[in-house]
Amino acid sequence: MTQRGHNLHDPIEAFAGEVAKDIMFPKQSEEYHEVADYLEMNVDYLDSMDLFDQLWEKYLENNK
């Protein structure tokens, strides 16, 4: 959520903006598989799970 911005050409900002609008997204989850499963099965706004994996790694680094 901290990556939200107004640059829709930036894939990270675009993804964060879509997550912010998704009322069903498990925003409070700290479990990779719960979030990844949700994204794989329920959304059409993420073109590649690679982007999510990169952001998850950043999340882990920033929240140690």
Protein backbone atom coordinates (compact mmCIF):
# COMPACT_ATOMS: atom_id res chain seq x y z
CA MET A 1 0.00 0.00 0.00
CA THR A 2 2.94 2.33 0.57
CA GLN A 3 3.78 2.15 -3.12
CA ARG A 4 0.55 3.79 -4.29
CA GLY A 5 1.01 6.71 -6.59
CA HIS A 6 -0.50 8.41 -9.57
CA ASN A 7 1.81 7.09 -12.26
CA LEU A 8 -0.28 4.40 -13.92
CA HIS A 9 2.61 3.65 -16.27
CA ASP A 10 4.66 2.42 -13.32
CA PRO A 11 3.64 -1.21 -12.75
CA ILE A 12 4.24 -1.04 -9.00
CA GLU A 13 2.16 2.09 -8.51
CA ALA A 14 -0.57 0.75 -10.79
CA PHE A 15 -0.71 -2.54 -8.86
CA ALA A 16 -0.75 -0.78 -5.50
CA GLY A 17 -3.58 1.45 -6.68
CA GLU A 18 -5.64 -1.55 -7.78
CA VAL A 19 -5.02 -3.31 -4.46
CA ALA A 20 -6.20 -0.20 -2.63
CA LYS A 21 -9.48 -0.30 -4.57
CA ASP A 22 -9.96 -4.08 -4.06
CA ILE A 23 -12.16 -4.38 -0.97
CA MET A 24 -11.67 -8.16 -0.82
CA PHE A 25 -7.86 -8.07 -0.93
CA PRO A 26 -6.41 -9.56 2.29
CA LYS A 27 -4.65 -6.33 3.26
CA GLN A 28 -3.91 -7.40 6.84
CA SER A 29 -2.41 -10.75 5.90
CA GLU A 30 1.24 -11.43 6.54
CA GLU A 31 1.10 -14.84 4.87
CA TYR A 32 2.63 -15.04 1.40
CA HIS A 33 0.49 -17.96 0.27
CA GLU A 34 -2.77 -16.37 1.36
CA VAL A 35 -2.05 -13.22 -0.62
CA ALA A 36 -0.55 -15.06 -3.61
CA ASP A 37 -3.50 -17.46 -3.79
CA TYR A 38 -5.93 -14.56 -3.68
CA LEU A 39 -4.11 -12.79 -6.51
CA GLU A 40 -3.87 -15.91 -8.67
CA MET A 41 -7.51 -16.88 -8.26
CA ASN A 42 -9.41 -13.61 -7.91
CA VAL A 43 -7.87 -10.69 -9.76
CA ASP A 44 -7.29 -9.58 -13.31
CA TYR A 45 -5.23 -6.49 -12.52
CA LEU A 46 -1.91 -8.31 -12.06
CA ASP A 47 -0.26 -9.39 -15.30
CA SER A 48 2.54 -11.37 -13.68
CA MET A 49 3.14 -12.89 -10.27
CA ASP A 50 6.79 -11.89 -10.70
CA LEU A 51 5.84 -8.33 -9.77
CA PHE A 52 4.09 -9.53 -6.62
CA ASP A 53 7.10 -11.69 -5.69
CA GLN A 54 9.43 -8.69 -6.02
CA LEU A 55 7.13 -6.54 -3.90
CA TRP A 56 6.77 -9.28 -1.28
CA GLU A 57 10.56 -9.43 -0.94
CA LYS A 58 10.67 -5.65 -0.43
CA TYR A 59 7.89 -5.96 2.13
CA LEU A 60 9.86 -8.58 4.06
CA GLU A 61 13.03 -6.49 3.99
CA ASN A 62 11.19 -3.39 5.25
CA ASN A 63 9.30 -5.21 8.00
CA LYS A 64 11.99 -7.32 9.68
